[in-house]
Amino acid sequence: MKKYNIGIDIDGTLTFAGYFLPYLNEYFGRNVGYEELNKYDFRDIYDVSDEEMMKFFKGEGKNLIFNVDLLDGARETVMELSKKHNVWIITARNPDMHEKTRSWLDYNGLEKIELITLGTPHKLEKATELGCEIFIEDHPDASVDIAAAGIKLYLVDAPYNQVSVHENITRVHGWEEIRSIFTREGIL
């Protein structure tokens, strides 16, 4: 069996992309539904300034990303992949969140997986540096960039990434589907 280099995103990939909606809705006095997340930039969705959104995430929303659960099947699939392949969790989270993110991953049973915090959604350079042949992502721009570089991209379906299309992109609807595809393709 070939040993692959695999990069995996966190937010919207290992976790449900809409987990923060109830908190943002309450904070901004809105009722935005998951299907309305047709843009990746939540400032546009809530029609608020960068300062207003940052105020939320530095205040009430500060710890949301450290309290969210993994999607069904994510932990098991990632751990099984790590037994056969080189696996990195590569996130756009800021490097100053590295230790808290590491603790959150450990708590969620992903303690053996190396974490890379980039502080940007642009992951192509790191994916290339690591020799990634497979990447699992939800970000609309990052997914197309990675796929265009020849890396097989599994895109976790979300309303905001419907425009992400490339011959190297396979759209998936959860970790059970990823597991099924990887089993069929001889990756798992």
N, C-alpha and C. Protein backbone atom coordinates (compact mmCIF):
# COMPACT_ATOMS: atom_id res chain seq x y z
N MET A 1 0.85 -1.19 0.00
CA MET A 1 0.00 0.00 0.00
C MET A 1 0.88 1.24 0.00
N LYS A 2 0.56 2.19 -0.86
CA LYS A 2 1.29 3.44 -0.93
C LYS A 2 1.07 4.25 0.34
N LYS A 3 2.13 4.89 0.83
CA LYS A 3 2.02 5.77 1.99
C LYS A 3 1.86 7.20 1.48
N TYR A 4 0.72 7.82 1.80
CA TYR A 4 0.40 9.17 1.33
C TYR A 4 0.76 10.22 2.37
N ASN A 5 0.98 11.45 1.90
CA ASN A 5 1.09 12.63 2.75
C ASN A 5 -0.24 13.35 2.65
N ILE A 6 -0.90 13.53 3.81
CA ILE A 6 -2.28 14.02 3.84
C ILE A 6 -2.39 15.22 4.76
N GLY A 7 -2.96 16.31 4.23
CA GLY A 7 -3.25 17.50 5.03
C GLY A 7 -4.74 17.59 5.29
N ILE A 8 -5.08 17.98 6.52
CA ILE A 8 -6.48 18.08 6.91
C ILE A 8 -6.72 19.39 7.65
N ASP A 9 -7.73 20.13 7.22
CA ASP A 9 -8.14 21.37 7.86
C ASP A 9 -8.97 21.06 9.12
N ILE A 10 -9.18 22.08 9.96
CA ILE A 10 -10.02 21.88 11.16
C ILE A 10 -11.42 22.45 10.96
N ASP A 11 -11.54 23.77 10.99
CA ASP A 11 -12.85 24.43 11.05
C ASP A 11 -13.61 24.27 9.74
N GLY A 12 -14.79 23.66 9.83
CA GLY A 12 -15.59 23.40 8.65
C GLY A 12 -15.22 22.10 7.96
N THR A 13 -14.18 21.43 8.47
CA THR A 13 -13.73 20.17 7.89
C THR A 13 -13.81 19.06 8.95
N LEU A 14 -13.10 19.23 10.04
CA LEU A 14 -13.23 18.31 11.17
C LEU A 14 -14.45 18.67 12.02
N THR A 15 -14.90 19.93 11.90
CA THR A 15 -16.04 20.42 12.67
C THR A 15 -17.11 20.94 11.72
N PHE A 16 -18.33 21.06 12.19
CA PHE A 16 -19.45 21.58 11.41
C PHE A 16 -19.28 23.08 11.20
N ALA A 17 -19.35 23.51 9.96
CA ALA A 17 -19.10 24.90 9.60
C ALA A 17 -20.07 25.88 10.26
N GLY A 18 -21.25 25.45 10.61
CA GLY A 18 -22.25 26.36 11.17
C GLY A 18 -22.36 26.35 12.68
N TYR A 19 -21.38 25.78 13.38
CA TYR A 19 -21.51 25.64 14.83
C TYR A 19 -21.63 26.97 15.56
N PHE A 20 -21.11 28.03 14.99
CA PHE A 20 -21.09 29.35 15.63
C PHE A 20 -22.35 30.16 15.36
N LEU A 21 -23.20 29.72 14.42
CA LEU A 21 -24.37 30.51 14.02
C LEU A 21 -25.28 30.93 15.17
N PRO A 22 -25.65 30.05 16.09
CA PRO A 22 -26.52 30.50 17.18
C PRO A 22 -25.89 31.65 17.98
N TYR A 23 -24.59 31.61 18.17
CA TYR A 23 -23.90 32.64 18.95
C TYR A 23 -23.82 33.96 18.18
N LEU A 24 -23.48 33.88 16.88
CA LEU A 24 -23.45 35.09 16.06
C LEU A 24 -24.84 35.68 15.91
N ASN A 25 -25.84 34.83 15.71
CA ASN A 25 -27.21 35.30 15.58
C ASN A 25 -27.66 36.05 16.83
N GLU A 26 -27.36 35.49 17.98
CA GLU A 26 -27.74 36.15 19.23
C GLU A 26 -26.99 37.47 19.40
N TYR A 27 -25.71 37.45 19.13
CA TYR A 27 -24.86 38.63 19.31
C TYR A 27 -25.29 39.78 18.39
N PHE A 28 -25.55 39.45 17.11
CA PHE A 28 -25.90 40.49 16.14
C PHE A 28 -27.40 40.67 15.95
N GLY A 29 -28.22 39.91 16.73
CA GLY A 29 -29.66 40.05 16.65
C GLY A 29 -30.23 39.64 15.30
N ARG A 30 -29.69 38.57 14.75
CA ARG A 30 -30.11 38.08 13.43
C ARG A 30 -30.61 36.64 13.55
N ASN A 31 -31.08 36.10 12.43
CA ASN A 31 -31.52 34.72 12.40
C ASN A 31 -31.02 34.07 11.11
N VAL A 32 -29.71 34.07 10.92
CA VAL A 32 -29.10 33.51 9.72
C VAL A 32 -29.08 31.99 9.85
N GLY A 33 -29.58 31.30 8.82
CA GLY A 33 -29.57 29.84 8.80
C GLY A 33 -28.35 29.31 8.08
N TYR A 34 -28.04 28.06 8.28
CA TYR A 34 -26.86 27.45 7.69
C TYR A 34 -26.83 27.59 6.17
N GLU A 35 -27.96 27.37 5.52
CA GLU A 35 -28.02 27.45 4.06
C GLU A 35 -27.76 28.86 3.53
N GLU A 36 -27.83 29.85 4.41
CA GLU A 36 -27.56 31.24 4.01
C GLU A 36 -26.06 31.58 4.05
N LEU A 37 -25.24 30.65 4.47
CA LEU A 37 -23.80 30.89 4.52
C LEU A 37 -23.20 30.72 3.12
N ASN A 38 -23.63 31.59 2.22
CA ASN A 38 -23.19 31.48 0.84
C ASN A 38 -21.89 32.23 0.56
N LYS A 39 -21.31 32.80 1.59
CA LYS A 39 -20.01 33.47 1.50
C LYS A 39 -19.16 32.99 2.66
N TYR A 40 -17.87 32.91 2.43
CA TYR A 40 -16.98 32.44 3.50
C TYR A 40 -16.75 33.53 4.54
N ASP A 41 -16.81 34.78 4.12
CA ASP A 41 -16.55 35.90 5.02
C ASP A 41 -17.83 36.27 5.77
N PHE A 42 -17.84 35.99 7.05
CA PHE A 42 -19.05 36.17 7.85
C PHE A 42 -19.38 37.65 8.07
N ARG A 43 -18.42 38.53 7.85
CA ARG A 43 -18.72 39.97 7.91
C ARG A 43 -19.73 40.32 6.83
N ASP A 44 -19.59 39.72 5.65
CA ASP A 44 -20.53 39.98 4.57
C ASP A 44 -21.92 39.42 4.89
N ILE A 45 -21.96 38.25 5.46
CA ILE A 45 -23.24 37.62 5.78
C ILE A 45 -24.01 38.42 6.82
N TYR A 46 -23.29 38.90 7.84
CA TYR A 46 -23.94 39.66 8.91
C TYR A 46 -23.95 41.16 8.65
N ASP A 47 -23.33 41.57 7.53
CA ASP A 47 -23.26 42.98 7.15
C ASP A 47 -22.71 43.83 8.30
N VAL A 48 -21.54 43.41 8.79
CA VAL A 48 -20.87 44.12 9.88
C VAL A 48 -19.43 44.41 9.48
N SER A 49 -18.83 45.33 10.17
CA SER A 49 -17.44 45.70 9.90
C SER A 49 -16.48 44.66 10.48
N ASP A 50 -15.25 44.74 10.03
CA ASP A 50 -14.20 43.88 10.57
C ASP A 50 -14.08 44.09 12.08
N GLU A 51 -14.17 45.34 12.51
CA GLU A 51 -14.05 45.66 13.94
C GLU A 51 -15.17 45.01 14.75
N GLU A 52 -16.41 45.07 14.22
CA GLU A 52 -17.54 44.46 14.93
C GLU A 52 -17.38 42.94 15.04
N MET A 53 -16.93 42.31 13.95
CA MET A 53 -16.74 40.85 13.98
C MET A 53 -15.60 40.49 14.92
N MET A 54 -14.52 41.26 14.89
CA MET A 54 -13.38 40.97 15.77
C MET A 54 -13.78 41.17 17.23
N LYS A 55 -14.63 42.14 17.50
CA LYS A 55 -15.11 42.36 18.87
C LYS A 55 -15.83 41.10 19.38
N PHE A 56 -16.66 40.51 18.51
CA PHE A 56 -17.34 39.26 18.89
C PHE A 56 -16.34 38.16 19.18
N PHE A 57 -15.39 37.94 18.26
CA PHE A 57 -14.46 36.82 18.41
C PHE A 57 -13.42 37.04 19.50
N LYS A 58 -13.19 38.26 19.90
CA LYS A 58 -12.27 38.52 21.02
C LYS A 58 -13.02 38.54 22.35
N GLY A 59 -14.33 38.63 22.28
CA GLY A 59 -15.15 38.65 23.49
C GLY A 59 -15.91 37.36 23.66
N GLU A 60 -17.22 37.42 23.41
CA GLU A 60 -18.10 36.27 23.62
C GLU A 60 -17.70 35.04 22.80
N GLY A 61 -17.19 35.25 21.59
CA GLY A 61 -16.87 34.13 20.71
C GLY A 61 -15.46 33.60 20.86
N LYS A 62 -14.71 34.13 21.82
CA LYS A 62 -13.29 33.81 21.94
C LYS A 62 -13.00 32.31 22.07
N ASN A 63 -13.81 31.62 22.80
CA ASN A 63 -13.51 30.20 23.05
C ASN A 63 -14.40 29.22 22.30
N LEU A 64 -15.24 29.74 21.40
CA LEU A 64 -16.15 28.85 20.66
C LEU A 64 -15.40 27.74 19.94
N ILE A 65 -14.30 28.07 19.28
CA ILE A 65 -13.59 27.07 18.48
C ILE A 65 -12.92 26.00 19.35
N PHE A 66 -12.86 26.25 20.64
CA PHE A 66 -12.26 25.26 21.54
C PHE A 66 -13.31 24.44 22.28
N ASN A 67 -14.57 24.66 21.94
CA ASN A 67 -15.66 23.92 22.59
C ASN A 67 -16.52 23.13 21.62
N VAL A 68 -16.17 23.16 20.35
CA VAL A 68 -16.97 22.49 19.33
C VAL A 68 -16.57 21.01 19.24
N ASP A 69 -17.53 20.18 18.87
CA ASP A 69 -17.27 18.74 18.71
C ASP A 69 -16.79 18.44 17.30
N LEU A 70 -16.09 17.33 17.17
CA LEU A 70 -15.70 16.84 15.85
C LEU A 70 -16.94 16.26 15.16
N LEU A 71 -16.95 16.30 13.83
CA LEU A 71 -18.02 15.68 13.07
C LEU A 71 -17.98 14.16 13.24
N ASP A 72 -19.11 13.53 13.12
CA ASP A 72 -19.20 12.07 13.22
C ASP A 72 -18.22 11.42 12.25
N GLY A 73 -17.45 10.49 12.77
CA GLY A 73 -16.51 9.72 11.95
C GLY A 73 -15.17 10.38 11.72
N ALA A 74 -15.02 11.65 12.08
CA ALA A 74 -13.76 12.35 11.82
C ALA A 74 -12.60 11.75 12.61
N ARG A 75 -12.77 11.63 13.92
CA ARG A 75 -11.69 11.13 14.78
C ARG A 75 -11.23 9.74 14.32
N GLU A 76 -12.17 8.85 14.13
CA GLU A 76 -11.84 7.48 13.77
C GLU A 76 -11.12 7.41 12.42
N THR A 77 -11.62 8.17 11.45
CA THR A 77 -11.02 8.14 10.12
C THR A 77 -9.62 8.74 10.14
N VAL A 78 -9.45 9.88 10.81
CA VAL A 78 -8.14 10.52 10.87
C VAL A 78 -7.14 9.62 11.59
N MET A 79 -7.55 9.01 12.67
CA MET A 79 -6.62 8.14 13.41
C MET A 79 -6.26 6.91 12.59
N GLU A 80 -7.22 6.36 11.87
CA GLU A 80 -6.92 5.21 11.01
C GLU A 80 -5.97 5.62 9.88
N LEU A 81 -6.20 6.79 9.30
CA LEU A 81 -5.30 7.29 8.26
C LEU A 81 -3.88 7.45 8.81
N SER A 82 -3.77 7.94 10.04
CA SER A 82 -2.44 8.21 10.63
C SER A 82 -1.64 6.93 10.90
N LYS A 83 -2.31 5.80 10.94
CA LYS A 83 -1.60 4.53 11.14
C LYS A 83 -0.93 4.06 9.86
N LYS A 84 -1.41 4.55 8.71
CA LYS A 84 -0.91 4.08 7.42
C LYS A 84 -0.21 5.17 6.61
N HIS A 85 -0.44 6.44 6.98
CA HIS A 85 0.04 7.56 6.17
C HIS A 85 0.62 8.66 7.06
N ASN A 86 1.29 9.63 6.44
CA ASN A 86 1.73 10.83 7.14
C ASN A 86 0.56 11.81 7.12
N VAL A 87 0.10 12.22 8.28
CA VAL A 87 -1.07 13.09 8.38
C VAL A 87 -0.72 14.33 9.21
N TRP A 88 -1.09 15.49 8.67
CA TRP A 88 -0.93 16.75 9.38
C TRP A 88 -2.27 17.46 9.43
N ILE A 89 -2.57 18.09 10.56
CA ILE A 89 -3.71 18.98 10.65
C ILE A 89 -3.14 20.38 10.39
N ILE A 90 -3.62 20.98 9.31
CA ILE A 90 -3.10 22.27 8.85
C ILE A 90 -4.25 23.26 8.88
N THR A 91 -4.18 24.23 9.79
CA THR A 91 -5.29 25.15 10.02
C THR A 91 -4.91 26.60 9.77
N ALA A 92 -5.93 27.37 9.43
CA ALA A 92 -5.77 28.82 9.27
C ALA A 92 -5.77 29.53 10.63
N ARG A 93 -6.01 28.80 11.69
CA ARG A 93 -5.98 29.42 13.02
C ARG A 93 -4.62 30.07 13.24
N ASN A 94 -4.63 31.17 13.99
CA ASN A 94 -3.39 31.91 14.24
C ASN A 94 -2.43 31.11 15.10
N PRO A 95 -1.14 31.28 14.87
CA PRO A 95 -0.14 30.59 15.69
C PRO A 95 -0.28 30.85 17.19
N ASP A 96 -0.82 32.01 17.59
CA ASP A 96 -1.01 32.27 19.03
C ASP A 96 -2.11 31.39 19.63
N MET A 97 -2.85 30.66 18.78
CA MET A 97 -3.87 29.72 19.25
C MET A 97 -3.34 28.28 19.24
N HIS A 98 -2.08 28.11 18.92
CA HIS A 98 -1.53 26.77 18.73
C HIS A 98 -1.72 25.89 19.97
N GLU A 99 -1.30 26.36 21.13
CA GLU A 99 -1.36 25.53 22.34
C GLU A 99 -2.80 25.16 22.72
N LYS A 100 -3.71 26.13 22.64
CA LYS A 100 -5.11 25.83 22.97
C LYS A 100 -5.72 24.87 21.94
N THR A 101 -5.34 25.05 20.68
CA THR A 101 -5.83 24.14 19.63
C THR A 101 -5.25 22.76 19.83
N ARG A 102 -3.98 22.68 20.19
CA ARG A 102 -3.34 21.39 20.47
C ARG A 102 -4.07 20.68 21.61
N SER A 103 -4.38 21.41 22.67
CA SER A 103 -5.11 20.82 23.81
C SER A 103 -6.49 20.35 23.39
N TRP A 104 -7.17 21.14 22.54
CA TRP A 104 -8.50 20.78 22.05
C TRP A 104 -8.42 19.50 21.21
N LEU A 105 -7.43 19.42 20.33
CA LEU A 105 -7.25 18.20 19.52
C LEU A 105 -6.96 16.99 20.41
N ASP A 106 -6.09 17.16 21.41
CA ASP A 106 -5.77 16.08 22.34
C ASP A 106 -7.04 15.60 23.05
N TYR A 107 -7.82 16.56 23.54
CA TYR A 107 -9.06 16.24 24.24
C TYR A 107 -10.02 15.45 23.34
N ASN A 108 -9.98 15.74 22.05
CA ASN A 108 -10.85 15.08 21.08
C ASN A 108 -10.24 13.83 20.46
N GLY A 109 -9.15 13.33 21.05
CA GLY A 109 -8.59 12.05 20.63
C GLY A 109 -7.67 12.10 19.43
N LEU A 110 -7.18 13.30 19.08
CA LEU A 110 -6.27 13.43 17.94
C LEU A 110 -4.87 13.84 18.40
N GLU A 111 -4.47 13.30 19.55
CA GLU A 111 -3.20 13.71 20.16
C GLU A 111 -1.96 13.30 19.37
N LYS A 112 -2.08 12.32 18.53
CA LYS A 112 -0.90 11.84 17.79
C LYS A 112 -0.70 12.56 16.45
N ILE A 113 -1.61 13.46 16.10
CA ILE A 113 -1.55 14.12 14.80
C ILE A 113 -0.85 15.47 14.95
N GLU A 114 0.19 15.70 14.12
CA GLU A 114 0.91 16.97 14.18
C GLU A 114 0.01 18.11 13.74
N LEU A 115 0.10 19.24 14.47
CA LEU A 115 -0.70 20.43 14.21
C LEU A 115 0.18 21.53 13.64
N ILE A 116 -0.30 22.15 12.57
CA ILE A 116 0.37 23.30 11.98
C ILE A 116 -0.63 24.45 11.92
N THR A 117 -0.33 25.54 12.65
CA THR A 117 -1.20 26.73 12.66
C THR A 117 -0.55 27.79 11.79
N LEU A 118 -1.22 28.13 10.69
CA LEU A 118 -0.64 29.03 9.70
C LEU A 118 -1.02 30.50 9.86
N GLY A 119 -2.21 30.77 10.41
CA GLY A 119 -2.67 32.15 10.51
C GLY A 119 -3.20 32.70 9.19
N THR A 120 -3.41 31.82 8.21
CA THR A 120 -3.94 32.20 6.90
C THR A 120 -4.65 30.99 6.29
N PRO A 121 -5.70 31.23 5.51
CA PRO A 121 -6.36 30.11 4.84
C PRO A 121 -5.58 29.61 3.62
N HIS A 122 -4.53 30.32 3.23
CA HIS A 122 -3.75 29.94 2.05
C HIS A 122 -2.73 28.88 2.45
N LYS A 123 -3.07 27.64 2.17
CA LYS A 123 -2.31 26.49 2.67
C LYS A 123 -1.46 25.81 1.61
N LEU A 124 -1.50 26.28 0.38
CA LEU A 124 -0.80 25.62 -0.71
C LEU A 124 0.69 25.51 -0.46
N GLU A 125 1.32 26.57 0.00
CA GLU A 125 2.76 26.55 0.22
C GLU A 125 3.14 25.47 1.23
N LYS A 126 2.40 25.38 2.33
CA LYS A 126 2.69 24.37 3.36
C LYS A 126 2.38 22.97 2.83
N ALA A 127 1.28 22.83 2.10
CA ALA A 127 0.92 21.53 1.53
C ALA A 127 2.00 21.05 0.57
N THR A 128 2.53 21.96 -0.23
CA THR A 128 3.60 21.63 -1.17
C THR A 128 4.88 21.27 -0.43
N GLU A 129 5.22 22.07 0.57
CA GLU A 129 6.42 21.83 1.38
C GLU A 129 6.38 20.44 2.02
N LEU A 130 5.21 20.03 2.47
CA LEU A 130 5.06 18.72 3.12
C LEU A 130 4.89 17.58 2.12
N GLY A 131 4.77 17.92 0.85
CA GLY A 131 4.58 16.89 -0.17
C GLY A 131 3.20 16.26 -0.14
N CYS A 132 2.18 17.03 0.29
CA CYS A 132 0.83 16.49 0.37
C CYS A 132 0.35 16.04 -1.01
N GLU A 133 -0.22 14.85 -1.03
CA GLU A 133 -0.83 14.30 -2.24
C GLU A 133 -2.35 14.31 -2.11
N ILE A 134 -2.82 14.43 -0.86
CA ILE A 134 -4.25 14.46 -0.55
C ILE A 134 -4.46 15.58 0.47
N PHE A 135 -5.55 16.32 0.30
CA PHE A 135 -5.90 17.37 1.26
C PHE A 135 -7.41 17.34 1.46
N ILE A 136 -7.84 17.55 2.71
CA ILE A 136 -9.26 17.61 3.04
C ILE A 136 -9.52 19.01 3.58
N GLU A 137 -10.43 19.73 2.94
CA GLU A 137 -10.57 21.18 3.17
C GLU A 137 -12.01 21.60 2.92
N ASP A 138 -12.38 22.79 3.42
CA ASP A 138 -13.69 23.38 3.11
C ASP A 138 -13.58 24.78 2.52
N HIS A 139 -12.45 25.43 2.67
CA HIS A 139 -12.30 26.83 2.23
C HIS A 139 -12.39 26.91 0.71
N PRO A 140 -13.24 27.79 0.17
CA PRO A 140 -13.44 27.83 -1.28
C PRO A 140 -12.18 28.18 -2.07
N ASP A 141 -11.43 29.18 -1.64
CA ASP A 141 -10.23 29.58 -2.38
C ASP A 141 -9.07 28.61 -2.17
N ALA A 142 -8.85 28.24 -0.92
CA ALA A 142 -7.74 27.31 -0.61
C ALA A 142 -7.93 25.99 -1.35
N SER A 143 -9.16 25.51 -1.44
CA SER A 143 -9.41 24.23 -2.09
C SER A 143 -9.04 24.27 -3.56
N VAL A 144 -9.42 25.32 -4.25
CA VAL A 144 -9.12 25.43 -5.67
C VAL A 144 -7.62 25.61 -5.89
N ASP A 145 -6.96 26.42 -5.06
CA ASP A 145 -5.51 26.61 -5.16
C ASP A 145 -4.77 25.28 -5.00
N ILE A 146 -5.15 24.52 -4.00
CA ILE A 146 -4.50 23.24 -3.72
C ILE A 146 -4.76 22.25 -4.87
N ALA A 147 -6.01 22.18 -5.31
CA ALA A 147 -6.36 21.27 -6.40
C ALA A 147 -5.63 21.65 -7.69
N ALA A 148 -5.53 22.94 -7.97
CA ALA A 148 -4.87 23.41 -9.19
C ALA A 148 -3.38 23.08 -9.20
N ALA A 149 -2.82 22.86 -8.02
CA ALA A 149 -1.40 22.49 -7.91
C ALA A 149 -1.19 20.99 -8.11
N GLY A 150 -2.27 20.25 -8.37
CA GLY A 150 -2.15 18.82 -8.64
C GLY A 150 -2.37 17.93 -7.43
N ILE A 151 -2.80 18.52 -6.33
CA ILE A 151 -3.07 17.75 -5.10
C ILE A 151 -4.54 17.34 -5.11
N LYS A 152 -4.81 16.07 -4.84
CA LYS A 152 -6.19 15.56 -4.79
C LYS A 152 -6.88 16.19 -3.58
N LEU A 153 -7.96 16.92 -3.84
CA LEU A 153 -8.64 17.69 -2.80
C LEU A 153 -10.02 17.10 -2.55
N TYR A 154 -10.30 16.79 -1.31
CA TYR A 154 -11.64 16.35 -0.88
C TYR A 154 -12.28 17.54 -0.19
N LEU A 155 -13.30 18.09 -0.82
CA LEU A 155 -13.95 19.32 -0.35
C LEU A 155 -15.18 18.98 0.46
N VAL A 156 -15.16 19.34 1.75
CA VAL A 156 -16.32 19.11 2.61
C VAL A 156 -17.38 20.14 2.22
N ASP A 157 -18.49 19.64 1.72
CA ASP A 157 -19.56 20.47 1.17
C ASP A 157 -20.10 21.47 2.18
N ALA A 158 -20.26 22.71 1.73
CA ALA A 158 -20.85 23.78 2.54
C ALA A 158 -21.47 24.79 1.59
N PRO A 159 -22.46 25.56 2.03
CA PRO A 159 -23.08 26.55 1.14
C PRO A 159 -22.07 27.55 0.56
N TYR A 160 -21.05 27.90 1.32
CA TYR A 160 -20.09 28.92 0.87
C TYR A 160 -19.04 28.39 -0.10
N ASN A 161 -18.96 27.10 -0.35
CA ASN A 161 -17.94 26.61 -1.27
C ASN A 161 -18.51 25.99 -2.55
N GLN A 162 -19.72 26.34 -2.88
CA GLN A 162 -20.36 25.78 -4.08
C GLN A 162 -19.66 26.19 -5.37
N VAL A 163 -18.95 27.31 -5.36
CA VAL A 163 -18.24 27.77 -6.56
C VAL A 163 -16.90 27.05 -6.75
N SER A 164 -16.49 26.28 -5.78
CA SER A 164 -15.19 25.60 -5.84
C SER A 164 -15.29 24.34 -6.69
N VAL A 165 -14.79 24.46 -7.91
CA VAL A 165 -14.86 23.35 -8.86
C VAL A 165 -13.50 23.22 -9.54
N HIS A 166 -13.01 21.99 -9.59
CA HIS A 166 -11.76 21.69 -10.28
C HIS A 166 -11.73 20.19 -10.50
N GLU A 167 -11.02 19.77 -11.54
CA GLU A 167 -10.96 18.33 -11.82
C GLU A 167 -10.32 17.52 -10.69
N ASN A 168 -9.50 18.15 -9.84
CA ASN A 168 -8.88 17.45 -8.71
C ASN A 168 -9.70 17.56 -7.43
N ILE A 169 -10.90 18.14 -7.50
CA ILE A 169 -11.76 18.28 -6.32
C ILE A 169 -12.85 17.23 -6.36
N THR A 170 -12.98 16.51 -5.25
CA THR A 170 -14.10 15.60 -5.03
C THR A 170 -14.90 16.16 -3.87
N ARG A 171 -16.14 16.51 -4.11
CA ARG A 171 -17.01 17.06 -3.06
C ARG A 171 -17.53 15.92 -2.20
N VAL A 172 -17.41 16.07 -0.88
CA VAL A 172 -17.86 15.05 0.06
C VAL A 172 -18.84 15.66 1.06
N HIS A 173 -19.68 14.81 1.62
CA HIS A 173 -20.73 15.28 2.52
C HIS A 173 -20.57 14.69 3.91
N GLY A 174 -19.34 14.58 4.37
CA GLY A 174 -19.09 14.09 5.72
C GLY A 174 -18.02 13.03 5.75
N TRP A 175 -17.65 12.67 6.95
CA TRP A 175 -16.54 11.75 7.16
C TRP A 175 -16.87 10.31 6.84
N GLU A 176 -18.13 9.93 6.90
CA GLU A 176 -18.49 8.57 6.50
C GLU A 176 -18.28 8.41 5.00
N GLU A 177 -18.60 9.45 4.23
CA GLU A 177 -18.37 9.40 2.79
C GLU A 177 -16.88 9.41 2.48
N ILE A 178 -16.10 10.21 3.22
CA ILE A 178 -14.65 10.22 3.04
C ILE A 178 -14.10 8.81 3.29
N ARG A 179 -14.54 8.20 4.39
CA ARG A 179 -14.08 6.85 4.73
C ARG A 179 -14.43 5.86 3.61
N SER A 180 -15.63 5.97 3.09
CA SER A 180 -16.07 5.07 2.03
C SER A 180 -15.22 5.25 0.77
N ILE A 181 -14.99 6.49 0.37
CA ILE A 181 -14.16 6.76 -0.82
C ILE A 181 -12.73 6.26 -0.59
N PHE A 182 -12.16 6.57 0.56
CA PHE A 182 -10.79 6.17 0.85
C PHE A 182 -10.65 4.65 0.89
N THR A 183 -11.66 3.97 1.37
CA THR A 183 -11.65 2.50 1.39
C THR A 183 -11.70 1.97 -0.04
N ARG A 184 -12.60 2.51 -0.84
CA ARG A 184 -12.74 2.10 -2.23
C ARG A 184 -11.46 2.38 -3.04
N GLU A 185 -10.78 3.50 -2.75
CA GLU A 185 -9.57 3.88 -3.49
C GLU A 185 -8.29 3.27 -2.91
N GLY A 186 -8.44 2.44 -1.87
CA GLY A 186 -7.28 1.77 -1.30
C GLY A 186 -6.41 2.65 -0.43
N ILE A 187 -6.94 3.77 0.02
CA ILE A 187 -6.20 4.66 0.91
C ILE A 187 -6.33 4.18 2.35
N LEU A 188 -7.50 3.68 2.69
CA LEU A 188 -7.73 3.10 4.04
C LEU A 188 -7.75 1.60 3.95
